Amino acid sequence: MCDTFVALSNSTKDNSVIFGKNSDRPQNEVQLITHVSRRRHSKGEELHCTYISVPQVSETFEVLLSQPWWIWGAEMGVNEHGVAIGNEAVYSHEPLRSIGLLGMDILRLGLERGKTAMNALTVMTELLENFHQGGGCAYNDSSWTYHNSYIIADPMEAYVLETVGDWWIAERVKDVRSISNEISIRGKGDLRREGIIQYAIKKGYCKDDNFDFASTFTGSNISEEPSPYSRGGKSTILLRENKEKITPKLMMEFLREHDAGICMHGGFESTGSQVSHLRKGKKSIHWFTGSTLPCLSLYKPYTFPIEDQRVFELGPHSKINPEWFWCKHTSSIASFKGWGMGSERKNYLKKLETVENEIISEVDEIMLNENNFSVKDFENKIKSINSNSWEKSIELINL
């Protein structure tokens, strides 16, 4: 259960591309901000992902991830070239494999190997066709499996990629787009795996003249109008109503929405959140919570290279460390995760808003005056704010 958003340069306040995602997972599944350095690899090297191995490539890029503690892959992340990807669980009448690449593995591979959004899409679809998707998607639970959809964005463009089994289809984003836990590409898309229409006709899913990916592979009638009561519908409405006004801060507000449950509470919970401010020709800024429930979390800014910014040891891990910030934050907010506005919760939220607004203002001021700084000075200023934001996050949970 997740929601992923993107707004292209024709729909944002400063003509950047802004990406956002909440990762909705089992509420006790720790999600860590982790880092992969740029690396060169030996010819013939094999890479072991969560369940299976694939051939390694000669070079992989520097990547920042929001990573469930027990897997090789990630729920969302961004690379040094400004490619940001988020995935969703989606369901179809196509069968699922018991083993393969997790959708989250495919996401990380796309980030490590994709220099642009289009490049990442090609990497991901080739991996899907050659190595398949499959395997249990929860810790020690092989029964929870799903197909995957993605938003893949860079500072120039974005794509929606949706998959069912080994089949895939993609759509170029024109202005704003969101995806939730349902197949959403209508018609024949802009790109698709060769043979998908013929396959659907052969299976009896459709006839040649009425291939519509969403309805064909779910067997459902799809409404043309977004519903404000569903997460997918609400996210579409928020984006459309705010065209040309969208900023990173506004994207954070979208991800904290509760009426439709975009900020999800309960047995499944928004266990991590990311907003990426993708700027053409300039340093991009990436905001991660590194903690559960964006409504009760502080977004912390990062910029590449990631050196000297706070990250946690790269997974997968064999066990949960109760000293991780994610665990301490979860324990701290346990008494006011509900909807009541007791004095303790009210005090926490007021302090959180004040601190986050100050941090966003500091970053905005640096970007406004970035022509007066060297690239290295810009990076160092963001790194200083990253350090301060982590200190403030720790102070918040110790109030």
Protein backbone atom coordinates (compact mmCIF):
# COMPACT_ATOMS: atom_id res chain seq x y z
CA MET A 1 0.00 0.00 0.00
CA CYS A 2 1.65 3.21 -1.14
CA ASP A 3 1.15 6.48 -2.99
CA THR A 4 3.60 8.06 -5.41
CA PHE A 5 3.32 11.53 -6.95
CA VAL A 6 5.16 13.52 -9.60
CA ALA A 7 4.72 17.04 -10.96
CA LEU A 8 6.68 18.07 -14.06
CA SER A 9 8.20 21.49 -14.67
CA ASN A 10 5.00 22.81 -16.29
CA SER A 11 3.13 22.17 -13.04
CA THR A 12 5.51 23.33 -10.29
CA LYS A 13 6.08 26.77 -8.87
CA ASP A 14 9.77 26.98 -9.83
CA ASN A 15 9.68 24.86 -13.03
CA SER A 16 11.51 21.97 -11.41
CA VAL A 17 10.29 18.36 -11.27
CA ILE A 18 8.98 17.33 -7.84
CA PHE A 19 8.60 13.68 -6.84
CA GLY A 20 7.02 12.33 -3.65
CA LYS A 21 6.19 8.98 -2.12
CA ASN A 22 4.86 7.40 1.05
CA SER A 23 5.88 3.81 1.62
CA ASP A 24 2.99 1.93 3.27
CA ARG A 25 4.19 -1.32 4.80
CA PRO A 26 3.47 -3.51 7.86
CA GLN A 27 3.59 -1.08 10.79
CA ASN A 28 6.49 -2.83 12.54
CA GLU A 29 8.71 -3.03 9.44
CA VAL A 30 11.69 -0.73 10.02
CA GLN A 31 12.70 1.37 7.02
CA LEU A 32 16.18 2.92 6.95
CA ILE A 33 17.82 5.70 4.94
CA THR A 34 20.79 3.91 3.38
CA HIS A 35 23.48 4.77 0.87
CA VAL A 36 25.29 2.99 -1.96
CA SER A 37 28.54 4.49 -3.27
CA ARG A 38 29.39 4.65 -6.96
CA ARG A 39 31.28 1.44 -7.74
CA ARG A 40 33.13 -0.39 -10.51
CA HIS A 41 32.69 -4.14 -10.80
CA SER A 42 34.65 -7.04 -12.23
CA LYS A 43 33.60 -8.74 -15.45
CA GLY A 44 31.46 -11.79 -14.80
CA GLU A 45 30.52 -10.71 -11.26
CA GLU A 46 27.18 -11.91 -9.92
CA LEU A 47 24.94 -9.73 -7.74
CA HIS A 48 22.77 -11.42 -5.10
CA CYS A 49 19.49 -9.57 -4.55
CA THR A 50 16.83 -10.56 -2.00
CA TYR A 51 16.10 -14.02 -3.42
CA ILE A 52 18.02 -14.50 -6.67
CA SER A 53 21.24 -13.38 -8.34
CA VAL A 54 21.66 -11.41 -11.57
CA PRO A 55 24.76 -10.46 -13.57
CA GLN A 56 26.44 -7.29 -12.31
CA VAL A 57 27.25 -4.41 -14.66
CA SER A 58 30.63 -2.73 -15.00
CA GLU A 59 29.66 0.43 -13.07
CA THR A 60 26.84 1.38 -10.68
CA PHE A 61 25.84 4.87 -9.55
CA GLU A 62 25.70 6.49 -6.13
CA VAL A 63 22.25 5.96 -4.64
CA LEU A 64 20.25 7.11 -1.60
CA LEU A 65 17.55 4.65 -0.53
CA SER A 66 14.64 4.23 1.86
CA GLN A 67 15.09 0.53 2.52
CA PRO A 68 13.05 -2.03 4.51
CA TRP A 69 15.56 -3.56 6.89
CA TRP A 70 15.41 -7.17 5.67
CA ILE A 71 15.66 -6.85 1.87
CA TRP A 72 18.32 -6.01 -0.70
CA GLY A 73 16.06 -3.61 -2.60
CA ALA A 74 14.23 -0.46 -1.57
CA GLU A 75 10.78 1.11 -1.53
CA MET A 76 12.01 4.39 -3.00
CA GLY A 77 15.15 6.34 -3.61
CA VAL A 78 17.19 8.57 -5.89
CA ASN A 79 20.57 8.43 -7.59
CA GLU A 80 23.39 10.90 -8.23
CA HIS A 81 21.92 11.79 -11.64
CA GLY A 82 18.58 12.86 -10.17
CA VAL A 83 16.61 9.74 -11.12
CA ALA A 84 13.95 9.11 -8.44
CA ILE A 85 11.78 5.97 -8.33
CA GLY A 86 8.89 4.81 -6.14
CA ASN A 87 6.92 1.58 -6.44
CA GLU A 88 3.41 0.36 -5.65
CA ALA A 89 1.89 -3.05 -5.07
CA VAL A 90 -0.74 -3.77 -7.74
CA TYR A 91 -2.90 -6.80 -8.39
CA SER A 92 -3.99 -8.64 -11.54
CA HIS A 93 -5.44 -11.96 -12.61
CA GLU A 94 -1.99 -12.80 -13.99
CA PRO A 95 -0.19 -15.42 -11.83
CA LEU A 96 2.64 -14.48 -9.49
CA ARG A 97 5.92 -16.36 -9.15
CA SER A 98 7.08 -17.74 -5.81
CA ILE A 99 10.62 -16.58 -6.51
CA GLY A 100 12.23 -13.87 -8.61
CA LEU A 101 13.27 -10.26 -8.22
CA LEU A 102 11.18 -8.31 -5.76
CA GLY A 103 9.71 -5.15 -7.25
CA MET A 104 11.85 -3.35 -4.67
CA ASP A 105 14.98 -5.09 -6.04
CA ILE A 106 14.07 -3.94 -9.55
CA LEU A 107 13.68 -0.40 -8.21
CA ARG A 108 17.16 -0.36 -6.66
CA LEU A 109 18.68 -1.87 -9.81
CA GLY A 110 17.01 0.87 -11.86
CA LEU A 111 18.58 3.52 -9.63
CA GLU A 112 22.02 1.91 -9.61
CA ARG A 113 22.09 1.49 -13.40
CA GLY A 114 19.87 4.24 -14.86
CA LYS A 115 21.37 7.63 -15.77
CA THR A 116 17.99 9.03 -16.90
CA ALA A 117 14.36 8.11 -16.29
CA MET A 118 14.15 6.49 -19.73
CA ASN A 119 17.41 4.63 -19.15
CA ALA A 120 16.16 3.34 -15.79
CA LEU A 121 12.87 2.22 -17.36
CA THR A 122 14.80 0.22 -19.96
CA VAL A 123 17.01 -1.35 -17.29
CA MET A 124 13.98 -2.33 -15.20
CA THR A 125 11.93 -3.81 -18.05
CA GLU A 126 14.87 -5.86 -19.32
CA LEU A 127 15.42 -7.26 -15.83
CA LEU A 128 11.72 -8.06 -15.55
CA GLU A 129 11.67 -9.92 -18.86
CA ASN A 130 14.91 -11.82 -18.22
CA PHE A 131 14.71 -12.62 -14.50
CA HIS A 132 11.00 -12.20 -13.60
CA GLN A 133 9.41 -10.66 -10.53
CA GLY A 134 8.37 -12.77 -7.60
CA GLY A 135 8.88 -13.84 -4.01
CA GLY A 136 7.40 -13.03 -0.62
CA CYS A 137 7.14 -9.29 -0.04
CA ALA A 138 7.02 -9.31 3.77
CA TYR A 139 9.54 -10.57 6.29
CA ASN A 140 9.11 -14.31 6.83
CA ASP A 141 5.84 -14.29 4.85
CA SER A 142 6.04 -15.95 1.44
CA SER A 143 2.27 -15.65 0.95
CA TRP A 144 2.20 -11.88 0.34
CA THR A 145 3.13 -11.36 -3.28
CA TYR A 146 2.16 -8.70 -5.78
CA HIS A 147 2.90 -7.13 -9.15
CA ASN A 148 4.46 -3.67 -9.24
CA SER A 149 3.90 -0.23 -10.70
CA TYR A 150 6.41 2.62 -10.59
CA ILE A 151 6.88 6.31 -11.17
CA ILE A 152 10.35 6.97 -12.60
CA ALA A 153 11.35 10.64 -12.73
CA ASP A 154 14.37 12.80 -13.52
CA PRO A 155 14.82 16.59 -13.81
CA MET A 156 13.44 16.50 -17.37
CA GLU A 157 10.63 13.95 -17.53
CA ALA A 158 8.79 11.09 -15.84
CA TYR A 159 7.17 7.78 -16.71
CA VAL A 160 4.62 5.48 -15.13
CA LEU A 161 5.70 1.85 -15.51
CA GLU A 162 3.15 -0.86 -14.68
CA THR A 163 3.79 -4.58 -14.63
CA VAL A 164 1.78 -7.82 -14.50
CA GLY A 165 3.96 -10.89 -14.29
CA ASP A 166 6.60 -10.51 -16.99
CA TRP A 167 4.48 -8.07 -19.00
CA TRP A 168 4.81 -4.30 -18.82
CA ILE A 169 3.46 -1.05 -20.20
CA ALA A 170 4.60 2.55 -19.73
CA GLU A 171 3.11 6.01 -20.03
CA ARG A 172 4.92 9.35 -20.41
CA VAL A 173 3.76 11.86 -17.80
CA LYS A 174 2.49 15.07 -19.39
CA ASP A 175 2.10 17.33 -16.34
CA VAL A 176 1.08 15.67 -13.05
CA ARG A 177 0.56 12.02 -12.21
CA SER A 178 0.07 9.79 -9.22
CA ILE A 179 -0.21 6.05 -8.69
CA SER A 180 -1.65 4.04 -5.83
CA ASN A 181 -2.35 0.33 -5.39
CA GLU A 182 -4.24 -0.16 -8.61
CA ILE A 183 -3.31 -0.55 -12.25
CA SER A 184 -3.95 2.82 -13.82
CA ILE A 185 -2.61 3.05 -17.40
CA ARG A 186 -5.47 3.32 -19.85
CA GLY A 187 -5.47 2.15 -23.43
CA LYS A 188 -2.23 0.98 -25.06
CA GLY A 189 0.17 3.30 -23.22
CA ASP A 190 3.15 4.97 -24.90
CA LEU A 191 5.56 2.03 -24.59
CA ARG A 192 4.87 -1.65 -23.94
CA ARG A 193 6.41 -5.08 -24.13
CA GLU A 194 6.17 -6.51 -27.61
CA GLY A 195 3.35 -9.04 -27.87
CA ILE A 196 1.33 -7.89 -24.86
CA ILE A 197 -1.82 -7.16 -26.87
CA GLN A 198 -1.63 -10.48 -28.71
CA TYR A 199 -1.10 -12.24 -25.37
CA ALA A 200 -4.18 -10.59 -23.86
CA ILE A 201 -6.30 -11.57 -26.89
CA LYS A 202 -5.01 -15.16 -26.74
CA LYS A 203 -5.92 -15.36 -23.02
CA GLY A 204 -9.40 -14.02 -23.76
CA TYR A 205 -8.90 -10.86 -21.72
CA CYS A 206 -9.93 -8.59 -24.58
CA LYS A 207 -10.41 -8.19 -28.31
CA ASP A 208 -7.94 -6.35 -30.52
CA ASP A 209 -10.02 -3.21 -30.82
CA ASN A 210 -10.65 -2.72 -27.09
CA PHE A 211 -7.30 -3.28 -25.40
CA ASP A 212 -7.19 -1.11 -22.29
CA PHE A 213 -4.35 -2.14 -19.99
CA ALA A 214 -6.04 -1.29 -16.69
CA SER A 215 -9.35 -3.02 -17.40
CA THR A 216 -7.81 -5.83 -19.48
CA PHE A 217 -5.49 -7.06 -16.75
CA THR A 218 -7.84 -6.52 -13.80
CA GLY A 219 -11.14 -7.48 -15.39
CA SER A 220 -12.71 -4.41 -13.80
CA ASN A 221 -14.48 -1.34 -15.08
CA ILE A 222 -12.32 1.68 -14.32
CA SER A 223 -13.91 5.02 -13.46
CA GLU A 224 -12.82 8.00 -15.53
CA GLU A 225 -13.30 10.41 -12.61
CA PRO A 226 -11.03 10.31 -9.55
CA SER A 227 -12.78 9.76 -6.24
CA PRO A 228 -11.86 12.06 -3.33
CA TYR A 229 -12.51 9.11 -1.00
CA SER A 230 -9.80 6.85 -2.41
CA ARG A 231 -6.07 7.44 -2.00
CA GLY A 232 -5.49 7.22 -5.74
CA GLY A 233 -8.33 9.58 -6.53
CA LYS A 234 -7.41 12.04 -3.79
CA SER A 235 -3.78 12.21 -4.92
CA THR A 236 -4.89 12.96 -8.49
CA ILE A 237 -7.22 15.72 -7.27
CA LEU A 238 -4.53 17.31 -5.07
CA LEU A 239 -2.10 17.46 -7.98
CA ARG A 240 -4.60 18.79 -10.49
CA GLU A 241 -5.98 21.47 -8.17
CA ASN A 242 -2.49 22.76 -7.36
CA LYS A 243 -0.89 22.87 -10.79
CA GLU A 244 1.79 25.58 -11.08
CA LYS A 245 1.78 25.99 -7.27
CA ILE A 246 3.49 22.73 -6.31
CA THR A 247 6.62 23.03 -4.14
CA PRO A 248 8.50 20.47 -2.04
CA LYS A 249 6.69 21.77 1.04
CA LEU A 250 3.29 21.36 -0.63
CA MET A 251 4.26 17.83 -1.70
CA MET A 252 4.99 17.07 1.96
CA GLU A 253 1.50 18.29 2.81
CA PHE A 254 0.02 15.95 0.19
CA LEU A 255 1.89 13.06 1.80
CA ARG A 256 0.45 14.00 5.21
CA GLU A 257 -3.17 13.91 3.96
CA HIS A 258 -5.53 11.97 6.23
CA ASP A 259 -9.05 12.26 4.80
CA ALA A 260 -8.39 9.58 2.19
CA GLY A 261 -5.54 8.02 4.18
CA ILE A 262 -2.53 8.96 2.06
CA CYS A 263 -0.69 9.21 5.38
CA MET A 264 -1.71 5.73 6.43
CA HIS A 265 -2.21 4.69 10.07
CA GLY A 266 -2.99 1.20 11.33
CA GLY A 267 -1.75 -2.34 10.72
CA PHE A 268 -0.31 -1.01 7.49
CA GLU A 269 1.37 2.33 8.00
CA SER A 270 3.34 4.96 6.10
CA THR A 271 6.70 3.72 7.36
CA GLY A 272 8.84 6.12 5.32
CA SER A 273 8.46 9.15 3.06
CA GLN A 274 10.50 10.91 0.37
CA VAL A 275 10.21 14.19 -1.53
CA SER A 276 12.77 14.91 -4.27
CA HIS A 277 13.24 18.40 -5.73
CA LEU A 278 14.76 17.54 -9.13
CA ARG A 279 16.38 20.60 -10.69
CA LYS A 280 17.80 20.69 -14.20
CA GLY A 281 21.39 21.94 -14.26
CA LYS A 282 21.43 22.56 -10.52
CA LYS A 283 21.94 20.52 -7.38
CA SER A 284 18.79 18.60 -6.47
CA ILE A 285 17.55 18.35 -2.88
CA HIS A 286 16.04 15.13 -1.52
CA TRP A 287 13.94 15.09 1.64
CA PHE A 288 13.57 11.83 3.62
CA THR A 289 11.86 11.18 6.94
CA GLY A 290 13.70 8.00 7.93
CA SER A 291 10.82 7.35 10.32
CA THR A 292 7.23 6.20 10.32
CA LEU A 293 4.18 8.43 9.71
CA PRO A 294 5.09 11.62 7.80
CA CYS A 295 2.49 13.54 9.84
CA LEU A 296 4.67 12.90 12.91
CA SER A 297 8.07 13.00 11.22
CA LEU A 298 10.58 15.65 10.22
CA TYR A 299 11.77 15.68 6.59
CA LYS A 300 15.56 15.95 6.41
CA PRO A 301 17.39 17.33 3.32
CA TYR A 302 20.13 15.53 1.38
CA THR A 303 22.19 16.37 -1.69
CA PHE A 304 24.74 14.37 -3.66
CA PRO A 305 27.44 13.38 -2.96
CA ILE A 306 26.05 11.85 0.23
CA GLU A 307 29.34 11.76 2.15
CA ASP A 308 29.08 13.36 5.62
CA GLN A 309 25.27 13.18 5.67
CA ARG A 310 23.55 10.80 8.04
CA VAL A 311 22.72 7.37 6.68
CA PHE A 312 22.43 3.90 8.20
CA GLU A 313 24.25 0.71 7.34
CA LEU A 314 23.10 -0.73 4.03
CA GLY A 315 20.78 -3.74 4.26
CA PRO A 316 19.76 -6.44 4.28
CA HIS A 317 20.16 -6.91 8.04
CA SER A 318 19.76 -10.15 9.98
CA LYS A 319 17.85 -8.51 12.83
CA ILE A 320 16.36 -5.20 13.96
CA ASN A 321 18.54 -2.91 16.06
CA PRO A 322 16.39 -1.15 18.69
CA GLU A 323 18.94 1.70 18.69
CA TRP A 324 18.03 2.72 15.13
CA PHE A 325 16.36 6.13 14.99
CA TRP A 326 13.30 4.59 13.26
CA CYS A 327 12.72 2.35 16.30
CA LYS A 328 13.23 5.12 18.85
CA HIS A 329 10.95 7.50 16.94
CA THR A 330 8.24 4.81 16.70
CA SER A 331 8.42 4.20 20.43
CA SER A 332 8.35 7.93 21.20
CA ILE A 333 5.23 8.71 19.15
CA ALA A 334 3.29 5.60 20.20
CA SER A 335 1.21 7.47 22.76
CA PHE A 336 -0.11 10.02 20.26
CA LYS A 337 -0.40 8.20 16.93
CA GLY A 338 -4.19 8.43 17.12
CA TRP A 339 -6.38 11.35 16.17
CA GLY A 340 -6.94 12.95 19.55
CA MET A 341 -5.20 16.29 20.09
CA GLY A 342 -3.99 15.90 23.65
CA SER A 343 -1.56 18.47 24.99
CA GLU A 344 1.46 16.21 24.49
CA ARG A 345 0.63 15.55 20.84
CA LYS A 346 -0.28 19.18 20.21
CA ASN A 347 3.03 20.33 21.68
CA TYR A 348 4.95 17.82 19.55
CA LEU A 349 3.18 18.85 16.32
CA LYS A 350 3.71 22.55 17.00
CA LYS A 351 7.42 22.02 17.59
CA LEU A 352 7.70 19.76 14.53
CA GLU A 353 6.07 22.35 12.27
CA THR A 354 8.27 25.15 13.60
CA VAL A 355 11.49 23.19 13.17
CA GLU A 356 10.61 21.91 9.71
CA ASN A 357 9.58 25.35 8.46
CA GLU A 358 12.90 26.73 9.67
CA ILE A 359 14.81 23.98 7.87
CA ILE A 360 12.86 24.45 4.62
CA SER A 361 13.43 28.21 4.82
CA GLU A 362 17.17 27.68 5.28
CA VAL A 363 17.32 25.41 2.24
CA ASP A 364 15.20 27.83 0.18
CA GLU A 365 17.52 30.69 1.11
CA ILE A 366 20.57 28.71 0.01
CA MET A 367 18.94 27.84 -3.33
CA LEU A 368 17.90 31.46 -3.84
CA ASN A 369 21.50 32.59 -3.44
CA GLU A 370 23.28 29.57 -4.90
CA ASN A 371 24.90 31.60 -7.70
CA ASN A 372 26.95 33.29 -4.98
CA PHE A 373 28.38 29.95 -3.80
CA SER A 374 30.74 27.43 -5.30
CA VAL A 375 29.30 23.96 -5.82
CA LYS A 376 31.34 22.72 -2.86
CA ASP A 377 30.04 25.52 -0.62
CA PHE A 378 26.47 24.69 -1.65
CA GLU A 379 27.00 21.02 -0.81
CA ASN A 380 28.56 21.87 2.55
CA LYS A 381 25.69 24.17 3.49
CA ILE A 382 23.13 21.43 2.77
CA LYS A 383 25.24 18.91 4.67
CA SER A 384 25.26 21.24 7.67
CA ILE A 385 21.47 21.51 7.55
CA ASN A 386 21.22 17.73 7.22
CA SER A 387 23.24 17.33 10.41
CA ASN A 388 21.16 19.94 12.22
CA SER A 389 17.88 18.39 11.08
CA TRP A 390 18.91 15.01 12.50
CA GLU A 391 19.83 16.67 15.79
CA LYS A 392 16.42 18.36 15.83
CA SER A 393 14.70 15.06 15.04
CA ILE A 394 16.38 13.44 18.04
CA GLU A 395 15.43 16.40 20.24
CA LEU A 396 11.80 16.10 19.11
CA ILE A 397 11.46 12.49 20.20
CA ASN A 398 13.07 13.31 23.54
CA LEU A 399 10.66 16.15 24.43
